[in-house]
Amino acid sequence: MSLQFIADSTGKTTGVFIPIKEWNKIKSKYKGIEQGEIDIPQWQMNEVNKRMKDYKNNPDTALDFDKALDDIEKEL
């Protein structure tokens, strides 16, 4: 894929240009990608917010992602 990165005057990347041919391939592979916003149900937002609050209050209870995957794979 031949992406072009767009930067501001300080060199910070601010955007990406995707050639139309590449964009059309992506659209055919991932249906619905053009949808501007995805409506997330309020109950789901509430659950995410609750879990974030729980994590901030007790960060030591979180599991390391790689270790958790290793543990799961050992049990398979």
C-alpha atoms as a PDB file:
ATOM      1  CA  MET A   1       0.000   0.000   0.000  1.00  0.00           C
ATOM      2  CA  SER A   2       1.429   3.362  -0.986  1.00  0.00           C
ATOM      3  CA  LEU A   3       0.347   5.726   1.780  1.00  0.00           C
ATOM      4  CA  GLN A   4       1.459   9.338   1.950  1.00  0.00           C
ATOM      5  CA  PHE A   5       1.747  10.933   5.358  1.00  0.00           C
ATOM      6  CA  ILE A   6       0.814  14.581   5.759  1.00  0.00           C
ATOM      7  CA  ALA A   7       2.757  16.660   8.280  1.00  0.00           C
ATOM      8  CA  ASP A   8       2.411  20.140   9.710  1.00  0.00           C
ATOM      9  CA  SER A   9       5.163  22.790   9.744  1.00  0.00           C
ATOM     10  CA  THR A  10       6.749  21.195  12.832  1.00  0.00           C
ATOM     11  CA  GLY A  11       6.987  17.784  11.191  1.00  0.00           C
ATOM     12  CA  LYS A  12       4.172  16.242  13.252  1.00  0.00           C
ATOM     13  CA  THR A  13       2.086  13.787  11.234  1.00  0.00           C
ATOM     14  CA  THR A  14      -1.443  15.146  10.928  1.00  0.00           C
ATOM     15  CA  GLY A  15      -3.005  12.911   8.299  1.00  0.00           C
ATOM     16  CA  VAL A  16      -2.678  10.115   5.785  1.00  0.00           C
ATOM     17  CA  PHE A  17      -3.476  10.119   2.090  1.00  0.00           C
ATOM     18  CA  ILE A  18      -4.691   6.789   0.704  1.00  0.00           C
ATOM     19  CA  PRO A  19      -4.803   6.503  -3.089  1.00  0.00           C
ATOM     20  CA  ILE A  20      -8.351   5.865  -4.354  1.00  0.00           C
ATOM     21  CA  LYS A  21      -7.422   2.465  -5.799  1.00  0.00           C
ATOM     22  CA  GLU A  22      -6.181   1.342  -2.375  1.00  0.00           C
ATOM     23  CA  TRP A  23      -9.216   2.876  -0.653  1.00  0.00           C
ATOM     24  CA  ASN A  24     -11.586   0.958  -2.939  1.00  0.00           C
ATOM     25  CA  LYS A  25      -9.796  -2.301  -2.064  1.00  0.00           C
ATOM     26  CA  ILE A  26     -10.148  -1.540   1.642  1.00  0.00           C
ATOM     27  CA  LYS A  27     -13.848  -0.704   1.211  1.00  0.00           C
ATOM     28  CA  SER A  28     -14.540  -3.991  -0.550  1.00  0.00           C
ATOM     29  CA  LYS A  29     -12.675  -5.960   2.113  1.00  0.00           C
ATOM     30  CA  TYR A  30     -14.153  -4.182   5.151  1.00  0.00           C
ATOM     31  CA  LYS A  31     -17.825  -3.537   4.531  1.00  0.00           C
ATOM     32  CA  GLY A  32     -19.171  -0.487   6.357  1.00  0.00           C
ATOM     33  CA  ILE A  33     -15.787   1.204   6.761  1.00  0.00           C
ATOM     34  CA  GLU A  34     -17.193   4.358   5.182  1.00  0.00           C
ATOM     35  CA  GLN A  35     -19.658   4.755   7.997  1.00  0.00           C
ATOM     36  CA  GLY A  36     -18.624   7.997   9.683  1.00  0.00           C
ATOM     37  CA  GLU A  37     -19.560   7.251  13.251  1.00  0.00           C
ATOM     38  CA  ILE A  38     -20.490   4.039  14.903  1.00  0.00           C
ATOM     39  CA  ASP A  39     -23.325   4.313  17.383  1.00  0.00           C
ATOM     40  CA  ILE A  40     -22.223   2.672  20.597  1.00  0.00           C
ATOM     41  CA  PRO A  41     -25.080   1.725  22.915  1.00  0.00           C
ATOM     42  CA  GLN A  42     -25.162   3.637  26.215  1.00  0.00           C
ATOM     43  CA  TRP A  43     -25.033   0.417  28.245  1.00  0.00           C
ATOM     44  CA  GLN A  44     -21.747  -0.438  26.547  1.00  0.00           C
ATOM     45  CA  MET A  45     -20.292   3.021  27.220  1.00  0.00           C
ATOM     46  CA  ASN A  46     -21.365   2.683  30.864  1.00  0.00           C
ATOM     47  CA  GLU A  47     -19.588  -0.668  31.121  1.00  0.00           C
ATOM     48  CA  VAL A  48     -16.372   0.699  29.597  1.00  0.00           C
ATOM     49  CA  ASN A  49     -16.459   3.698  31.938  1.00  0.00           C
ATOM     50  CA  LYS A  50     -17.020   1.413  34.942  1.00  0.00           C
ATOM     51  CA  ARG A  51     -14.105  -0.813  33.970  1.00  0.00           C
ATOM     52  CA  MET A  52     -11.817   2.195  33.427  1.00  0.00           C
ATOM     53  CA  LYS A  53     -12.767   3.551  36.857  1.00  0.00           C
ATOM     54  CA  ASP A  54     -12.152   0.122  38.439  1.00  0.00           C
ATOM     55  CA  TYR A  55      -8.747  -0.060  36.770  1.00  0.00           C
ATOM     56  CA  LYS A  56      -7.759   3.450  37.900  1.00  0.00           C
ATOM     57  CA  ASN A  57      -8.745   2.579  41.463  1.00  0.00           C
ATOM     58  CA  ASN A  58      -6.987  -0.832  41.426  1.00  0.00           C
ATOM     59  CA  PRO A  59      -4.341  -0.988  38.668  1.00  0.00           C
ATOM     60  CA  ASP A  60      -2.645  -3.980  40.322  1.00  0.00           C
ATOM     61  CA  THR A  61      -5.657  -6.177  39.552  1.00  0.00           C
ATOM     62  CA  ALA A  62      -5.100  -5.919  35.789  1.00  0.00           C
ATOM     63  CA  LEU A  63      -3.530  -8.830  33.955  1.00  0.00           C
ATOM     64  CA  ASP A  64      -0.620  -8.519  31.558  1.00  0.00           C
ATOM     65  CA  PHE A  65      -2.023  -9.210  28.076  1.00  0.00           C
ATOM     66  CA  ASP A  66       0.884 -11.365  26.854  1.00  0.00           C
ATOM     67  CA  LYS A  67       0.951 -13.398  30.073  1.00  0.00           C
ATOM     68  CA  ALA A  68      -2.810 -13.927  29.920  1.00  0.00           C
ATOM     69  CA  LEU A  69      -2.536 -15.208  26.317  1.00  0.00           C
ATOM     70  CA  ASP A  70       0.329 -17.511  27.302  1.00  0.00           C
ATOM     71  CA  ASP A  71      -1.771 -18.924  30.147  1.00  0.00           C
ATOM     72  CA  ILE A  72      -4.727 -19.500  27.815  1.00  0.00           C
ATOM     73  CA  GLU A  73      -2.547 -21.227  25.211  1.00  0.00           C
ATOM     74  CA  LYS A  74      -1.090 -23.543  27.864  1.00  0.00           C
ATOM     75  CA  GLU A  75      -4.588 -24.749  28.692  1.00  0.00           C
ATOM     76  CA  LEU A  76      -5.499 -25.521  25.064  1.00  0.00           C
END
